[in-house]
Amino acid sequence: MHRPVRFPLFVLPLLVLPWACSGDPDPEDSILGSGGNVQELGSGGTATGSGGSASGSGSGSGGVSGPSGGSSSAGGATAAGGNTTTGSGGESTAGSGGAASDTPVASVGCGKGGRPAGGKVYKAGESWLLFPEKYDGNTPLPVVFGFHGCGASNFGDANRTEFYDLTRNTGFEDNYVIAIPLAISGSCMDQSGDMDRAKNLYTELVENYCVDTARVFGTGHSYGSGFLMGMTGNQADFDHFNWKALAPVSGWKINNQSILVPTMYIQGILDSERKVNGQPSDGADVVAKIVEVNECSATTTPYAVDACNSNHDGDPVDAGCREYSTCGERTIWCRHDDSDYSGTYHGMPCFYKQAVYDFFESL
């Protein structure tokens, strides 16, 4: 279990997918649906929203809040080990660690059966479970949870959903069990009803299938990112999944974030869906809180990811990834210039799939 942060007496401030959220509501408006108002929620708080399909009042476990101000700064430190590789933007650095060597912790579902037909368990409007061809029901495999962004396209249908698309032809498809809870609203994830749905999917997974409960990873996009990061402010929610590491994309600051966890945070340099003080944001305020909680120094160095071209305009993308030094848990910020999502910089950057997979594999 990840330990809660211990704050020193004095803390110096740090200044720190191709499918995107169509019509993504501003988190300052509502965390429950479009048209409501958000409160800065702590564990056990309540939030209400009117006009959204998931509106209503519910437990605000996770302390999700709208973005607040902050200025950008570079971050990052080189991790030891691994192979040297060329980073985007022409930088190179030592690779981030080697393959994980921890002994798997088998779930109680091991030995209960082989790979489901077609490698898929789909519950209409509720969830997806995807199993690689190597799944045999006896060898525990790592798990990645994907929390989708708002909108019908990200929610998907019986044929696809956002994180189905994002894990095709990747190491996740070959080596991980992929769990995708779907929002009750049919659009945005929220902390009230969707938390129980996500927890129930995890429980179903460990009780009926063979997974490694010590290697459960989380990633999310936009509102799915805020949903995921909200758990870093609620120990009970966090512990239910026993998160090994997180990779949120284009989320927002969690004011009551308190749990140390390895994190790769990704956001565009001019994300116009995540404005701060009325201006496009790069996630500096989000990262400042992560850095504070993960007990990082201000020293950073480049963190290399594979070079790629934007799916939006075809231009070469500078991932802008940097890793912070001497952290309690590894912390990486990818402040990229991929203009995906119709030029708003809010989409999933071209390097996302490989970079997140490599980060999780290094732990």
Protein backbone atom coordinates (compact mmCIF):
# COMPACT_ATOMS: atom_id res chain seq x y z
CA MET A 1 0.00 0.00 0.00
CA HIS A 2 1.33 3.42 -0.89
CA ARG A 3 2.02 5.58 2.13
CA PRO A 4 0.29 8.92 2.72
CA VAL A 5 2.46 11.98 2.27
CA ARG A 6 4.27 13.43 5.28
CA PHE A 7 4.47 17.17 4.86
CA PRO A 8 7.55 18.93 6.26
CA LEU A 9 7.15 21.89 8.60
CA PHE A 10 8.10 24.31 5.82
CA VAL A 11 7.30 23.66 2.19
CA LEU A 12 8.78 25.85 -0.52
CA PRO A 13 6.39 26.40 -3.42
CA LEU A 14 7.31 24.80 -6.72
CA LEU A 15 6.15 26.47 -9.90
CA VAL A 16 5.97 24.15 -11.35
CA LEU A 17 -6.59 9.88 -27.89
CA PRO A 18 -6.82 10.25 -31.11
CA TRP A 19 -10.20 10.25 -29.29
CA ALA A 20 -10.78 13.32 -27.22
CA CYS A 21 -13.69 14.70 -25.28
CA SER A 22 -16.26 16.05 -27.67
CA GLY A 23 -18.01 18.82 -25.81
CA ASP A 24 -15.98 18.13 -22.67
CA PRO A 25 -17.52 20.17 -19.83
CA ASP A 26 -15.26 22.42 -17.80
CA PRO A 27 -14.47 20.77 -14.44
CA GLU A 28 -15.17 24.15 -12.89
CA ASP A 29 -18.77 23.67 -14.04
CA SER A 30 -19.42 20.15 -12.80
CA ILE A 31 -17.83 16.84 -11.92
CA LEU A 32 -21.19 15.10 -12.18
CA GLY A 33 -22.49 16.26 -15.54
CA SER A 34 -22.59 19.31 -17.74
CA GLY A 35 -24.24 22.38 -16.35
CA GLY A 36 -23.63 21.93 -12.61
CA ASN A 37 -21.31 23.62 -10.14
CA VAL A 38 -18.28 22.02 -8.57
CA GLN A 39 -17.21 22.25 -4.99
CA GLU A 40 -13.70 21.53 -3.78
CA LEU A 41 -14.46 18.13 -2.37
CA GLY A 42 -12.64 16.25 0.28
CA SER A 43 -13.28 12.67 1.24
CA GLY A 44 -16.95 12.31 2.02
CA GLY A 45 -17.96 15.65 0.48
CA THR A 46 -20.95 16.10 -1.77
CA ALA A 47 -21.36 17.62 -5.17
CA THR A 48 -24.38 18.55 -7.17
CA GLY A 49 -24.87 19.32 -10.83
CA SER A 50 -27.92 20.25 -12.82
CA GLY A 51 -28.46 19.63 -16.48
CA GLY A 52 -26.03 16.70 -16.79
CA SER A 53 -27.17 13.18 -17.35
CA ALA A 54 -25.29 12.08 -14.26
CA SER A 55 -26.38 14.98 -12.07
CA GLY A 56 -27.39 14.62 -8.50
CA SER A 57 -25.70 14.53 -5.13
CA GLY A 58 -23.28 11.90 -4.01
CA SER A 59 -20.17 11.14 -2.08
CA GLY A 60 -17.26 13.21 -3.27
CA SER A 61 -14.51 10.75 -2.48
CA GLY A 62 -11.42 11.99 -4.16
CA GLY A 63 -11.49 15.75 -3.75
CA VAL A 64 -11.76 16.55 -7.44
CA SER A 65 -11.67 20.25 -8.16
CA GLY A 66 -11.44 22.51 -11.15
CA PRO A 67 -8.03 23.76 -12.28
CA SER A 68 -6.48 26.70 -10.54
CA GLY A 69 -3.66 28.97 -11.55
CA GLY A 70 -0.01 28.14 -11.81
CA SER A 71 2.92 28.78 -14.07
CA SER A 72 4.78 26.32 -16.17
CA SER A 73 8.22 24.98 -15.49
CA ALA A 74 10.30 22.17 -16.85
CA GLY A 75 10.73 19.03 -14.85
CA GLY A 76 12.36 15.60 -14.95
CA ALA A 77 15.25 13.42 -13.87
CA THR A 78 17.00 10.54 -15.61
CA ALA A 79 16.38 7.16 -14.06
CA ALA A 80 19.19 4.69 -13.82
CA GLY A 81 19.37 1.55 -15.88
CA GLY A 82 17.82 0.57 -19.18
CA ASN A 83 18.97 1.33 -22.70
CA THR A 84 19.81 4.73 -24.07
CA THR A 85 17.25 5.99 -26.54
CA THR A 86 16.51 9.09 -28.53
CA GLY A 87 13.91 11.36 -26.96
CA SER A 88 11.53 13.53 -28.88
CA GLY A 89 12.90 16.92 -29.73
CA GLY A 90 16.38 15.51 -30.30
CA GLU A 91 17.23 14.86 -26.63
CA SER A 92 18.68 11.63 -25.38
CA THR A 93 18.89 10.22 -21.92
CA ALA A 94 19.38 7.00 -20.05
CA GLY A 95 16.45 4.64 -20.23
CA SER A 96 14.07 4.50 -17.32
CA GLY A 97 14.86 1.34 -15.46
CA GLY A 98 14.59 -2.28 -16.56
CA ALA A 99 11.85 -4.83 -16.54
CA ALA A 100 10.00 -5.39 -13.29
CA SER A 101 11.24 -8.33 -11.24
CA ASP A 102 8.67 -8.44 -8.42
CA THR A 103 7.11 -11.82 -7.75
CA PRO A 104 3.47 -11.77 -8.97
CA VAL A 105 0.71 -11.79 -6.36
CA ALA A 106 -1.92 -14.11 -7.81
CA SER A 107 -5.58 -13.21 -7.50
CA VAL A 108 -8.11 -15.67 -6.09
CA GLY A 109 -9.46 -16.10 -9.63
CA CYS A 110 -6.38 -17.98 -10.79
CA GLY A 111 -7.23 -21.51 -11.85
CA LYS A 112 -10.91 -20.78 -12.51
CA GLY A 113 -10.78 -21.05 -16.29
CA GLY A 114 -9.01 -20.14 -19.48
CA ARG A 115 -9.26 -17.17 -21.82
CA PRO A 116 -12.82 -15.94 -22.43
CA ALA A 117 -14.15 -16.42 -25.95
CA GLY A 118 -12.57 -13.88 -28.26
CA GLY A 119 -10.57 -12.49 -25.36
CA LYS A 120 -13.39 -10.10 -24.46
CA VAL A 121 -16.02 -9.79 -21.76
CA TYR A 122 -18.35 -6.91 -22.64
CA LYS A 123 -21.29 -5.80 -20.52
CA ALA A 124 -23.40 -3.44 -22.59
CA GLY A 125 -23.09 0.12 -21.31
CA GLU A 126 -21.14 -0.99 -18.22
CA SER A 127 -17.65 -2.34 -18.84
CA TRP A 128 -15.04 -4.11 -20.94
CA LEU A 129 -12.49 -6.74 -19.94
CA LEU A 130 -9.89 -7.61 -22.59
CA PHE A 131 -7.52 -10.56 -22.34
CA PRO A 132 -4.31 -11.10 -24.33
CA GLU A 133 -3.79 -14.28 -26.33
CA LYS A 134 -1.21 -15.41 -23.74
CA TYR A 135 -3.84 -15.45 -20.96
CA ASP A 136 -4.24 -19.02 -19.70
CA GLY A 137 -6.16 -18.55 -16.46
CA ASN A 138 -3.24 -19.82 -14.36
CA THR A 139 -0.44 -17.29 -14.90
CA PRO A 140 -1.21 -13.94 -13.21
CA LEU A 141 -0.92 -11.01 -15.61
CA PRO A 142 -0.69 -7.28 -14.85
CA VAL A 143 -3.79 -5.11 -15.22
CA VAL A 144 -4.34 -1.64 -16.68
CA PHE A 145 -7.55 0.27 -16.00
CA GLY A 146 -8.51 2.90 -18.58
CA PHE A 147 -10.95 5.67 -17.60
CA HIS A 148 -12.47 7.33 -20.67
CA GLY A 149 -13.13 10.98 -21.41
CA CYS A 150 -16.52 12.58 -21.96
CA GLY A 151 -18.66 12.18 -25.04
CA ALA A 152 -20.34 9.42 -27.02
CA SER A 153 -17.21 8.67 -29.04
CA ASN A 154 -15.09 8.03 -25.96
CA PHE A 155 -17.89 6.03 -24.31
CA GLY A 156 -18.17 3.92 -27.44
CA ASP A 157 -20.49 1.03 -28.23
CA ALA A 158 -20.46 -2.76 -28.46
CA ASN A 159 -17.58 -2.63 -30.95
CA ARG A 160 -15.16 -0.18 -29.32
CA THR A 161 -14.47 2.39 -26.63
CA GLU A 162 -11.65 4.92 -26.14
CA PHE A 163 -9.25 2.66 -24.28
CA TYR A 164 -10.05 -0.28 -26.53
CA ASP A 165 -8.68 1.81 -29.40
CA LEU A 166 -5.72 3.12 -27.41
CA THR A 167 -4.49 -0.35 -26.43
CA ARG A 168 -4.67 -2.02 -29.86
CA ASN A 169 -1.29 -3.02 -31.34
CA THR A 170 0.53 -2.23 -28.11
CA GLY A 171 2.28 -4.09 -25.34
CA PHE A 172 -0.92 -3.70 -23.33
CA GLU A 173 -2.84 -5.79 -25.86
CA ASP A 174 -0.15 -8.48 -25.77
CA ASN A 175 0.72 -8.62 -22.08
CA TYR A 176 -1.95 -7.04 -19.87
CA VAL A 177 -5.52 -7.64 -18.87
CA ILE A 178 -7.32 -4.41 -19.77
CA ALA A 179 -10.26 -3.22 -17.65
CA ILE A 180 -12.48 -0.39 -18.88
CA PRO A 181 -15.41 0.79 -16.74
CA LEU A 182 -17.98 2.91 -18.59
CA ALA A 183 -19.67 5.98 -17.16
CA ILE A 184 -23.23 5.52 -15.93
CA SER A 185 -24.14 8.79 -17.64
CA GLY A 186 -22.99 7.48 -21.02
CA SER A 187 -20.55 10.39 -21.17
CA CYS A 188 -18.46 11.74 -18.26
CA MET A 189 -17.02 9.73 -15.38
CA ASP A 190 -18.05 11.07 -11.94
CA GLN A 191 -17.02 10.25 -8.41
CA SER A 192 -20.45 9.28 -7.13
CA GLY A 193 -21.97 6.36 -9.03
CA ASP A 194 -19.01 5.51 -11.22
CA MET A 195 -16.66 4.81 -8.31
CA ASP A 196 -18.79 1.87 -7.20
CA ARG A 197 -18.97 0.64 -10.79
CA ALA A 198 -15.18 0.78 -11.15
CA LYS A 199 -14.63 -0.96 -7.80
CA ASN A 200 -17.10 -3.69 -8.70
CA LEU A 201 -15.28 -4.29 -11.98
CA TYR A 202 -12.01 -4.69 -10.07
CA THR A 203 -13.63 -7.11 -7.63
CA GLU A 204 -15.11 -9.14 -10.50
CA LEU A 205 -11.70 -9.25 -12.15
CA VAL A 206 -9.71 -10.51 -9.15
CA GLU A 207 -12.36 -12.99 -8.04
CA ASN A 208 -12.91 -14.62 -11.43
CA TYR A 209 -9.72 -14.15 -13.45
CA CYS A 210 -6.00 -14.64 -12.96
CA VAL A 211 -4.25 -11.30 -12.49
CA ASP A 212 -1.29 -9.93 -10.57
CA THR A 213 -2.80 -7.80 -7.80
CA ALA A 214 0.59 -6.20 -7.12
CA ARG A 215 0.69 -4.74 -10.65
CA VAL A 216 -2.54 -2.85 -11.20
CA PHE A 217 -2.05 0.37 -13.17
CA GLY A 218 -4.37 3.23 -13.97
CA THR A 219 -4.61 5.68 -16.86
CA GLY A 220 -7.31 8.12 -17.89
CA HIS A 221 -8.11 10.91 -20.31
CA SER A 222 -9.71 14.26 -19.51
CA TYR A 223 -12.60 13.62 -17.10
CA GLY A 224 -11.35 10.05 -16.79
CA SER A 225 -8.01 11.48 -15.73
CA GLY A 226 -9.63 13.63 -13.04
CA PHE A 227 -11.65 10.62 -11.90
CA LEU A 228 -8.49 8.53 -11.55
CA MET A 229 -6.43 11.24 -9.86
CA GLY A 230 -9.28 11.92 -7.43
CA MET A 231 -8.43 8.61 -5.76
CA THR A 232 -5.08 10.05 -4.64
CA GLY A 233 -7.12 12.06 -2.14
CA ASN A 234 -9.11 9.13 -0.79
CA GLN A 235 -7.19 6.28 0.84
CA ALA A 236 -10.07 3.79 0.78
CA ASP A 237 -10.70 4.25 -2.94
CA PHE A 238 -6.98 4.10 -3.70
CA ASP A 239 -6.43 0.98 -1.62
CA HIS A 240 -9.29 -0.89 -3.25
CA PHE A 241 -7.28 -0.98 -6.47
CA ASN A 242 -3.84 -0.95 -4.81
CA TRP A 243 -2.53 1.21 -7.66
CA LYS A 244 1.04 0.47 -8.69
CA ALA A 245 1.33 3.64 -10.82
CA LEU A 246 -0.82 6.19 -12.65
CA ALA A 247 -0.67 7.89 -16.05
CA PRO A 248 -3.34 10.61 -16.23
CA VAL A 249 -3.73 12.74 -19.37
CA SER A 250 -5.18 16.27 -19.42
CA GLY A 251 -6.82 16.22 -16.02
CA TRP A 252 -6.90 18.84 -13.31
CA LYS A 253 -5.46 19.61 -9.88
CA ILE A 254 -6.67 17.47 -6.98
CA ASN A 255 -6.65 19.83 -4.01
CA ASN A 256 -6.68 17.14 -1.31
CA GLN A 257 -4.20 14.83 -3.05
CA SER A 258 -2.18 13.11 -0.33
CA ILE A 259 -1.02 9.65 -1.47
CA LEU A 260 2.42 9.03 -2.95
CA VAL A 261 2.32 7.00 -6.17
CA PRO A 262 4.54 6.78 -9.27
CA THR A 263 2.99 9.14 -11.82
CA MET A 264 3.51 10.10 -15.45
CA TYR A 265 1.37 13.18 -16.07
CA ILE A 266 0.75 14.20 -19.70
CA GLN A 267 -0.78 17.42 -21.02
CA GLY A 268 -0.44 19.68 -24.05
CA ILE A 269 1.34 23.01 -23.71
CA LEU A 270 -1.75 24.96 -24.86
CA ASP A 271 -4.64 22.80 -23.70
CA SER A 272 -7.66 25.01 -24.36
CA GLU A 273 -10.02 22.53 -22.65
CA ARG A 274 -8.14 23.03 -19.38
CA LYS A 275 -7.92 26.78 -19.06
CA VAL A 276 -6.36 28.52 -16.06
CA ASN A 277 -7.32 32.14 -15.47
CA GLY A 278 -9.03 32.07 -18.84
CA GLN A 279 -5.92 30.95 -20.72
CA PRO A 280 -4.91 27.55 -22.17
CA SER A 281 -2.98 25.51 -19.60
CA ASP A 282 -0.07 23.07 -19.69
CA GLY A 283 -0.98 21.37 -16.40
CA ALA A 284 1.68 23.15 -14.33
CA ASP A 285 -0.68 23.49 -11.37
CA VAL A 286 -1.54 19.78 -11.56
CA VAL A 287 2.12 18.81 -11.62
CA ALA A 288 3.03 21.19 -8.79
CA LYS A 289 0.66 19.28 -6.50
CA ILE A 290 1.94 15.88 -7.65
CA VAL A 291 5.53 17.00 -7.09
CA GLU A 292 4.69 18.30 -3.61
CA VAL A 293 2.92 15.09 -2.58
CA ASN A 294 5.55 12.79 -4.11
CA GLU A 295 8.25 14.69 -2.18
CA CYS A 296 10.34 15.59 -5.23
CA SER A 297 13.19 18.05 -5.49
CA ALA A 298 13.12 20.77 -8.13
CA THR A 299 15.95 19.17 -10.14
CA THR A 300 14.90 17.63 -13.43
CA THR A 301 16.43 16.01 -16.50
CA PRO A 302 15.00 14.86 -19.85
CA TYR A 303 13.06 11.62 -20.00
CA ALA A 304 13.20 10.01 -23.45
CA VAL A 305 10.22 8.66 -25.35
CA ASP A 306 9.92 7.48 -28.93
CA ALA A 307 9.70 10.20 -31.57
CA CYS A 308 6.43 10.46 -33.51
CA ASN A 309 4.29 12.76 -35.64
CA SER A 310 0.99 14.28 -34.60
CA ASN A 311 -2.17 12.50 -35.74
CA HIS A 312 -3.72 15.95 -36.16
CA ASP A 313 -1.34 17.84 -38.44
CA GLY A 314 1.46 15.35 -39.13
CA ASP A 315 4.10 17.59 -37.55
CA PRO A 316 6.92 16.08 -35.44
CA VAL A 317 5.97 16.17 -31.77
CA ASP A 318 8.21 17.25 -28.91
CA ALA A 319 6.99 15.16 -25.98
CA GLY A 320 8.71 17.49 -23.53
CA CYS A 321 9.01 14.72 -20.93
CA ARG A 322 11.14 15.34 -17.87
CA GLU A 323 11.56 13.36 -14.66
CA TYR A 324 11.92 14.88 -11.21
CA SER A 325 14.87 13.91 -9.02
CA THR A 326 14.97 12.42 -5.53
CA CYS A 327 11.23 11.80 -5.32
CA GLY A 328 9.48 9.57 -2.81
CA GLU A 329 7.86 8.02 -5.91
CA ARG A 330 8.87 8.46 -9.55
CA THR A 331 7.32 11.54 -11.14
CA ILE A 332 7.38 12.46 -14.83
CA TRP A 333 5.77 15.40 -16.61
CA CYS A 334 5.27 15.26 -20.38
CA ARG A 335 4.49 18.82 -21.48
CA HIS A 336 4.00 18.12 -25.19
CA ASP A 337 3.20 20.12 -28.32
CA ASP A 338 0.89 17.64 -30.07
CA SER A 339 -2.11 19.71 -31.22
CA ASP A 340 -4.44 16.70 -31.43
CA TYR A 341 -8.19 17.21 -30.83
CA SER A 342 -8.77 19.78 -33.56
CA GLY A 343 -5.87 21.97 -32.54
CA THR A 344 -6.80 22.23 -28.85
CA TYR A 345 -3.85 20.15 -27.51
CA HIS A 346 -6.33 18.21 -25.35
CA GLY A 347 -6.15 14.85 -27.12
CA MET A 348 -3.98 11.80 -26.56
CA PRO A 349 -0.52 12.61 -27.97
CA CYS A 350 1.07 10.32 -30.54
CA PHE A 351 3.68 9.06 -28.05
CA TYR A 352 1.13 8.16 -25.36
CA LYS A 353 0.74 4.43 -26.01
CA GLN A 354 4.41 3.47 -25.99
CA ALA A 355 5.51 5.96 -23.34
CA VAL A 356 2.92 4.87 -20.80
CA TYR A 357 3.54 1.18 -21.48
CA ASP A 358 7.30 1.65 -21.04
CA PHE A 359 6.78 3.62 -17.82
CA PHE A 360 4.56 0.95 -16.29
CA GLU A 361 6.95 -1.81 -17.38
CA SER A 362 9.89 -0.03 -15.74
CA LEU A 363 8.31 -0.24 -12.27
